Amino acid sequence: SRDGNRLVVLEIVDKGLSHNEQDTDLLSYKAWVLKRGGLYEEAIEMYRKLLQKNPDSVTAMRGIADLYHEDLNQNAAEALFYYEKLLETQKTAETYFYAATCKRYLGDLEGARIYFLKELEMDPDDIDGYRGLAFICEVQGDYPQALEMLDQALAIMKQYDRTFDWMVEHKAKLLRRLGRYEEALAFAAEAADCYHYGNAMQLQFD
């Protein structure tokens, strides 16, 4: 079984660590195995041990941050701490995105906006960045700007021929908020007719 195989692998790794507990490759591998098995607390503990051996370990900081990111309702502050540690030495669009989502969950919308913008500076075609900005603008009541950000994301998705059914529905909702009802109805119909999206059908009815 998969669980049995994991236990065998962990037993072998532990034997290796018993001979050399300083082996950072084994520590990293054990953390990865634990993470794959859903043993998040144990994986975090292992990554912490790796950080004790190597305080600059990108693998450990990323591992802990991503594990905390699994439950932002409870662990957004912890995840943000490690993502920002990563950003001190390794600035990537992906890390800016995850740090931005943490700030959003913590209610720091302006901080999240800054990080989403930095993400898009590094990767102008990152759909998630535009979606993140659209969410912030909508929460702040800036519906025209939210619509602009959503349009940017939709344009990129069309370019790569990706499915965007719920985003079309979201655009319809924004247009309705702006009082542009005919346009809203057209986009709700597109989402309903092209993608058979149930929520869009309800929006159409409304």
C-alpha atoms as a PDB file:
ATOM      1  CA  SER A   1       0.000   0.000   0.000  1.00  0.00           C
ATOM      2  CA  ARG A   2       1.009   3.627  -0.370  1.00  0.00           C
ATOM      3  CA  ASP A   3       1.117   4.102   3.412  1.00  0.00           C
ATOM      4  CA  GLY A   4       3.219   0.968   3.755  1.00  0.00           C
ATOM      5  CA  ASN A   5       5.688   2.189   1.157  1.00  0.00           C
ATOM      6  CA  ARG A   6       5.944   5.538   2.926  1.00  0.00           C
ATOM      7  CA  LEU A   7       6.702   3.822   6.234  1.00  0.00           C
ATOM      8  CA  VAL A   8       9.424   1.754   4.582  1.00  0.00           C
ATOM      9  CA  VAL A   9      10.956   4.878   3.021  1.00  0.00           C
ATOM     10  CA  LEU A  10      10.831   6.749   6.352  1.00  0.00           C
ATOM     11  CA  GLU A  11      12.479   3.801   8.089  1.00  0.00           C
ATOM     12  CA  ILE A  12      15.342   3.855   5.587  1.00  0.00           C
ATOM     13  CA  VAL A  13      15.726   7.635   5.889  1.00  0.00           C
ATOM     14  CA  ASP A  14      15.742   7.404   9.697  1.00  0.00           C
ATOM     15  CA  LYS A  15      18.513   4.805   9.529  1.00  0.00           C
ATOM     16  CA  GLY A  16      20.529   7.207   7.450  1.00  0.00           C
ATOM     17  CA  LEU A  17      19.889  10.049   9.889  1.00  0.00           C
ATOM     18  CA  SER A  18      20.909   7.848  12.802  1.00  0.00           C
ATOM     19  CA  HIS A  19      24.368   7.677  11.241  1.00  0.00           C
ATOM     20  CA  ASN A  20      24.481  11.358  10.296  1.00  0.00           C
ATOM     21  CA  GLU A  21      21.795  13.606  11.750  1.00  0.00           C
ATOM     22  CA  GLN A  22      23.458  16.571  10.030  1.00  0.00           C
ATOM     23  CA  ASP A  23      22.623  15.242   6.559  1.00  0.00           C
ATOM     24  CA  THR A  24      20.518  18.087   5.154  1.00  0.00           C
ATOM     25  CA  ASP A  25      19.571  16.140   2.033  1.00  0.00           C
ATOM     26  CA  LEU A  26      18.027  13.381   4.153  1.00  0.00           C
ATOM     27  CA  LEU A  27      16.245  15.902   6.368  1.00  0.00           C
ATOM     28  CA  SER A  28      14.823  17.596   3.302  1.00  0.00           C
ATOM     29  CA  TYR A  29      13.767  14.298   1.768  1.00  0.00           C
ATOM     30  CA  LYS A  30      12.081  13.128   4.979  1.00  0.00           C
ATOM     31  CA  ALA A  31      10.150  16.392   5.196  1.00  0.00           C
ATOM     32  CA  TRP A  32       9.011  15.921   1.601  1.00  0.00           C
ATOM     33  CA  VAL A  33       7.863  12.347   2.254  1.00  0.00           C
ATOM     34  CA  LEU A  34       5.939  13.444   5.351  1.00  0.00           C
ATOM     35  CA  LYS A  35       4.341  16.288   3.405  1.00  0.00           C
ATOM     36  CA  ARG A  36       3.268  13.943   0.604  1.00  0.00           C
ATOM     37  CA  GLY A  37       1.695  11.721   3.224  1.00  0.00           C
ATOM     38  CA  GLY A  38      -0.352  14.573   4.657  1.00  0.00           C
ATOM     39  CA  LEU A  39       1.643  14.582   7.909  1.00  0.00           C
ATOM     40  CA  TYR A  40       1.990  18.359   7.912  1.00  0.00           C
ATOM     41  CA  GLU A  41       2.975  18.956  11.526  1.00  0.00           C
ATOM     42  CA  GLU A  42       5.712  16.332  11.312  1.00  0.00           C
ATOM     43  CA  ALA A  43       6.893  17.801   8.011  1.00  0.00           C
ATOM     44  CA  ILE A  44       7.070  21.303   9.509  1.00  0.00           C
ATOM     45  CA  GLU A  45       9.090  19.958  12.423  1.00  0.00           C
ATOM     46  CA  MET A  46      11.525  18.341   9.999  1.00  0.00           C
ATOM     47  CA  TYR A  47      11.861  21.533   7.973  1.00  0.00           C
ATOM     48  CA  ARG A  48      12.575  23.402  11.211  1.00  0.00           C
ATOM     49  CA  LYS A  49      15.388  20.960  11.953  1.00  0.00           C
ATOM     50  CA  LEU A  50      16.722  21.632   8.481  1.00  0.00           C
ATOM     51  CA  LEU A  51      16.653  25.370   9.184  1.00  0.00           C
ATOM     52  CA  GLN A  52      18.628  24.798  12.388  1.00  0.00           C
ATOM     53  CA  LYS A  53      21.333  23.138  10.290  1.00  0.00           C
ATOM     54  CA  ASN A  54      21.085  25.645   7.465  1.00  0.00           C
ATOM     55  CA  PRO A  55      19.286  28.932   8.371  1.00  0.00           C
ATOM     56  CA  ASP A  56      19.367  30.039   4.719  1.00  0.00           C
ATOM     57  CA  SER A  57      17.758  26.895   3.337  1.00  0.00           C
ATOM     58  CA  VAL A  58      15.324  27.983   0.643  1.00  0.00           C
ATOM     59  CA  THR A  59      13.904  24.455   0.549  1.00  0.00           C
ATOM     60  CA  ALA A  60      13.022  24.552   4.256  1.00  0.00           C
ATOM     61  CA  MET A  61      11.541  28.056   4.185  1.00  0.00           C
ATOM     62  CA  ARG A  62       9.487  27.249   1.090  1.00  0.00           C
ATOM     63  CA  GLY A  63       8.375  23.962   2.595  1.00  0.00           C
ATOM     64  CA  ILE A  64       7.171  25.522   5.846  1.00  0.00           C
ATOM     65  CA  ALA A  65       5.526  28.459   4.080  1.00  0.00           C
ATOM     66  CA  ASP A  66       3.631  26.200   1.672  1.00  0.00           C
ATOM     67  CA  LEU A  67       2.466  23.918   4.477  1.00  0.00           C
ATOM     68  CA  TYR A  68       1.136  26.838   6.475  1.00  0.00           C
ATOM     69  CA  HIS A  69      -0.476  28.139   3.281  1.00  0.00           C
ATOM     70  CA  GLU A  70      -2.644  25.001   3.232  1.00  0.00           C
ATOM     71  CA  ASP A  71      -4.839  26.616   5.911  1.00  0.00           C
ATOM     72  CA  LEU A  72      -4.709  30.392   5.634  1.00  0.00           C
ATOM     73  CA  ASN A  73      -7.689  30.816   7.943  1.00  0.00           C
ATOM     74  CA  GLN A  74      -5.490  29.582  10.781  1.00  0.00           C
ATOM     75  CA  ASN A  75      -1.917  30.090   9.615  1.00  0.00           C
ATOM     76  CA  ALA A  76      -1.761  33.132   7.317  1.00  0.00           C
ATOM     77  CA  ALA A  77       0.630  35.037   9.611  1.00  0.00           C
ATOM     78  CA  GLU A  78       3.028  32.080   9.879  1.00  0.00           C
ATOM     79  CA  ALA A  79       2.980  31.496   6.127  1.00  0.00           C
ATOM     80  CA  LEU A  80       3.578  35.201   5.444  1.00  0.00           C
ATOM     81  CA  PHE A  81       6.581  35.237   7.786  1.00  0.00           C
ATOM     82  CA  TYR A  82       8.372  32.572   5.752  1.00  0.00           C
ATOM     83  CA  TYR A  83       7.336  33.931   2.347  1.00  0.00           C
ATOM     84  CA  GLU A  84       8.753  37.314   3.309  1.00  0.00           C
ATOM     85  CA  LYS A  85      11.947  35.604   4.502  1.00  0.00           C
ATOM     86  CA  LEU A  86      12.181  34.039   1.059  1.00  0.00           C
ATOM     87  CA  LEU A  87      11.655  37.411  -0.599  1.00  0.00           C
ATOM     88  CA  GLU A  88      14.684  38.795   1.215  1.00  0.00           C
ATOM     89  CA  THR A  89      16.969  36.649  -0.923  1.00  0.00           C
ATOM     90  CA  GLN A  90      14.840  35.135  -3.698  1.00  0.00           C
ATOM     91  CA  LYS A  91      12.273  37.385  -5.336  1.00  0.00           C
ATOM     92  CA  THR A  92       9.935  35.457  -7.621  1.00  0.00           C
ATOM     93  CA  ALA A  93       6.459  36.163  -8.994  1.00  0.00           C
ATOM     94  CA  GLU A  94       5.177  32.999  -7.316  1.00  0.00           C
ATOM     95  CA  THR A  95       6.438  34.017  -3.877  1.00  0.00           C
ATOM     96  CA  TYR A  96       4.984  37.507  -4.237  1.00  0.00           C
ATOM     97  CA  PHE A  97       1.636  35.939  -5.131  1.00  0.00           C
ATOM     98  CA  TYR A  98       1.571  33.671  -2.087  1.00  0.00           C
ATOM     99  CA  ALA A  99       2.689  36.491   0.204  1.00  0.00           C
ATOM    100  CA  ALA A 100      -0.073  38.665  -1.269  1.00  0.00           C
ATOM    101  CA  THR A 101      -2.729  36.037  -0.552  1.00  0.00           C
ATOM    102  CA  CYS A 102      -1.501  35.829   3.050  1.00  0.00           C
ATOM    103  CA  LYS A 103      -1.795  39.591   3.448  1.00  0.00           C
ATOM    104  CA  ARG A 104      -5.273  39.469   1.944  1.00  0.00           C
ATOM    105  CA  TYR A 105      -6.371  36.865   4.489  1.00  0.00           C
ATOM    106  CA  LEU A 106      -4.903  38.997   7.262  1.00  0.00           C
ATOM    107  CA  GLY A 107      -6.944  41.987   6.099  1.00  0.00           C
ATOM    108  CA  ASP A 108      -3.946  43.985   4.858  1.00  0.00           C
ATOM    109  CA  LEU A 109      -5.455  44.845   1.493  1.00  0.00           C
ATOM    110  CA  GLU A 110      -2.970  47.580   0.625  1.00  0.00           C
ATOM    111  CA  GLY A 111      -0.063  45.288   1.435  1.00  0.00           C
ATOM    112  CA  ALA A 112      -1.655  42.593  -0.701  1.00  0.00           C
ATOM    113  CA  ARG A 113      -2.117  45.080  -3.554  1.00  0.00           C
ATOM    114  CA  ILE A 114       1.584  46.006  -3.447  1.00  0.00           C
ATOM    115  CA  TYR A 115       2.638  42.362  -3.591  1.00  0.00           C
ATOM    116  CA  PHE A 116       0.214  41.519  -6.414  1.00  0.00           C
ATOM    117  CA  LEU A 117       1.602  44.464  -8.404  1.00  0.00           C
ATOM    118  CA  LYS A 118       5.164  43.263  -7.780  1.00  0.00           C
ATOM    119  CA  GLU A 119       4.111  39.824  -8.947  1.00  0.00           C
ATOM    120  CA  LEU A 120       2.761  41.280 -12.188  1.00  0.00           C
ATOM    121  CA  GLU A 121       5.929  43.327 -12.708  1.00  0.00           C
ATOM    122  CA  MET A 122       7.829  40.043 -12.810  1.00  0.00           C
ATOM    123  CA  ASP A 123       5.186  38.100 -14.741  1.00  0.00           C
ATOM    124  CA  PRO A 124       2.748  40.369 -16.660  1.00  0.00           C
ATOM    125  CA  ASP A 125       0.778  37.358 -17.916  1.00  0.00           C
ATOM    126  CA  ASP A 126       0.069  35.914 -14.482  1.00  0.00           C
ATOM    127  CA  ILE A 127      -3.703  35.543 -14.352  1.00  0.00           C
ATOM    128  CA  ASP A 128      -3.718  35.011 -10.589  1.00  0.00           C
ATOM    129  CA  GLY A 129      -2.211  38.442 -10.029  1.00  0.00           C
ATOM    130  CA  TYR A 130      -5.012  40.173 -11.929  1.00  0.00           C
ATOM    131  CA  ARG A 131      -7.602  38.055 -10.155  1.00  0.00           C
ATOM    132  CA  GLY A 132      -6.080  39.006  -6.813  1.00  0.00           C
ATOM    133  CA  LEU A 133      -6.182  42.701  -7.666  1.00  0.00           C
ATOM    134  CA  ALA A 134      -9.759  42.367  -8.924  1.00  0.00           C
ATOM    135  CA  PHE A 135     -10.779  40.879  -5.584  1.00  0.00           C
ATOM    136  CA  ILE A 136      -9.137  43.689  -3.616  1.00  0.00           C
ATOM    137  CA  CYS A 137     -10.677  46.399  -5.791  1.00  0.00           C
ATOM    138  CA  GLU A 138     -14.098  44.807  -5.464  1.00  0.00           C
ATOM    139  CA  VAL A 139     -13.851  44.568  -1.663  1.00  0.00           C
ATOM    140  CA  GLN A 140     -12.834  48.229  -1.563  1.00  0.00           C
ATOM    141  CA  GLY A 141     -15.810  49.177  -3.732  1.00  0.00           C
ATOM    142  CA  ASP A 142     -13.750  50.184  -6.762  1.00  0.00           C
ATOM    143  CA  TYR A 143     -15.840  48.206  -9.242  1.00  0.00           C
ATOM    144  CA  PRO A 144     -14.524  49.871 -12.448  1.00  0.00           C
ATOM    145  CA  GLN A 145     -10.941  48.993 -11.483  1.00  0.00           C
ATOM    146  CA  ALA A 146     -11.995  45.483 -10.473  1.00  0.00           C
ATOM    147  CA  LEU A 147     -13.619  45.075 -13.888  1.00  0.00           C
ATOM    148  CA  GLU A 148     -10.447  46.288 -15.602  1.00  0.00           C
ATOM    149  CA  MET A 149      -8.328  43.732 -13.723  1.00  0.00           C
ATOM    150  CA  LEU A 150     -10.781  40.954 -14.526  1.00  0.00           C
ATOM    151  CA  ASP A 151     -10.742  41.921 -18.203  1.00  0.00           C
ATOM    152  CA  GLN A 152      -6.946  41.636 -18.177  1.00  0.00           C
ATOM    153  CA  ALA A 153      -7.201  38.111 -16.779  1.00  0.00           C
ATOM    154  CA  LEU A 154      -9.892  37.133 -19.293  1.00  0.00           C
ATOM    155  CA  ALA A 155      -7.831  38.446 -22.197  1.00  0.00           C
ATOM    156  CA  ILE A 156      -4.856  36.305 -21.142  1.00  0.00           C
ATOM    157  CA  MET A 157      -7.026  33.225 -20.676  1.00  0.00           C
ATOM    158  CA  LYS A 158      -8.567  33.662 -24.136  1.00  0.00           C
ATOM    159  CA  GLN A 159      -5.101  34.045 -25.603  1.00  0.00           C
ATOM    160  CA  TYR A 160      -4.124  30.638 -24.229  1.00  0.00           C
ATOM    161  CA  ASP A 161      -7.549  29.121 -24.940  1.00  0.00           C
ATOM    162  CA  ARG A 162      -8.184  28.311 -21.298  1.00  0.00           C
ATOM    163  CA  THR A 163     -11.590  27.783 -19.679  1.00  0.00           C
ATOM    164  CA  PHE A 164     -12.867  30.854 -17.871  1.00  0.00           C
ATOM    165  CA  ASP A 165     -16.554  30.129 -17.240  1.00  0.00           C
ATOM    166  CA  TRP A 166     -16.812  31.420 -13.668  1.00  0.00           C
ATOM    167  CA  MET A 167     -14.762  34.493 -14.556  1.00  0.00           C
ATOM    168  CA  VAL A 168     -17.281  35.436 -17.230  1.00  0.00           C
ATOM    169  CA  GLU A 169     -19.985  35.049 -14.585  1.00  0.00           C
ATOM    170  CA  HIS A 170     -17.944  37.207 -12.190  1.00  0.00           C
ATOM    171  CA  LYS A 171     -17.682  39.884 -14.864  1.00  0.00           C
ATOM    172  CA  ALA A 172     -21.462  39.772 -15.257  1.00  0.00           C
ATOM    173  CA  LYS A 173     -21.847  40.368 -11.513  1.00  0.00           C
ATOM    174  CA  LEU A 174     -19.490  43.358 -11.629  1.00  0.00           C
ATOM    175  CA  LEU A 175     -21.376  44.832 -14.571  1.00  0.00           C
ATOM    176  CA  ARG A 176     -24.606  44.418 -12.630  1.00  0.00           C
ATOM    177  CA  ARG A 177     -23.073  46.281  -9.664  1.00  0.00           C
ATOM    178  CA  LEU A 178     -22.195  49.096 -12.073  1.00  0.00           C
ATOM    179  CA  GLY A 179     -25.772  49.220 -13.363  1.00  0.00           C
ATOM    180  CA  ARG A 180     -24.750  48.003 -16.821  1.00  0.00           C
ATOM    181  CA  TYR A 181     -27.549  45.447 -16.955  1.00  0.00           C
ATOM    182  CA  GLU A 182     -27.666  44.676 -20.678  1.00  0.00           C
ATOM    183  CA  GLU A 183     -23.946  43.904 -20.727  1.00  0.00           C
ATOM    184  CA  ALA A 184     -24.289  41.884 -17.532  1.00  0.00           C
ATOM    185  CA  LEU A 185     -27.063  39.815 -19.066  1.00  0.00           C
ATOM    186  CA  ALA A 186     -24.989  39.166 -22.184  1.00  0.00           C
ATOM    187  CA  PHE A 187     -22.034  37.874 -20.186  1.00  0.00           C
ATOM    188  CA  ALA A 188     -24.273  35.778 -17.927  1.00  0.00           C
ATOM    189  CA  ALA A 189     -25.805  34.267 -21.064  1.00  0.00           C
ATOM    190  CA  GLU A 190     -22.339  33.551 -22.486  1.00  0.00           C
ATOM    191  CA  ALA A 191     -21.285  31.744 -19.320  1.00  0.00           C
ATOM    192  CA  ALA A 192     -24.560  29.795 -19.233  1.00  0.00           C
ATOM    193  CA  ASP A 193     -24.735  28.911 -22.940  1.00  0.00           C
ATOM    194  CA  CYS A 194     -21.084  28.223 -23.673  1.00  0.00           C
ATOM    195  CA  TYR A 195     -20.096  26.532 -20.424  1.00  0.00           C
ATOM    196  CA  HIS A 196     -23.443  25.343 -19.019  1.00  0.00           C
ATOM    197  CA  TYR A 197     -22.433  27.028 -15.792  1.00  0.00           C
ATOM    198  CA  GLY A 198     -25.233  26.700 -13.235  1.00  0.00           C
ATOM    199  CA  ASN A 199     -24.471  29.858 -11.270  1.00  0.00           C
ATOM    200  CA  ALA A 200     -24.541  31.872 -14.492  1.00  0.00           C
ATOM    201  CA  MET A 201     -27.953  30.475 -15.306  1.00  0.00           C
ATOM    202  CA  GLN A 202     -29.208  31.642 -11.917  1.00  0.00           C
ATOM    203  CA  LEU A 203     -27.661  35.056 -12.540  1.00  0.00           C
ATOM    204  CA  GLN A 204     -29.364  35.174 -15.927  1.00  0.00           C
ATOM    205  CA  PHE A 205     -32.696  34.442 -14.253  1.00  0.00           C
ATOM    206  CA  ASP A 206     -32.114  37.130 -11.603  1.00  0.00           C
END
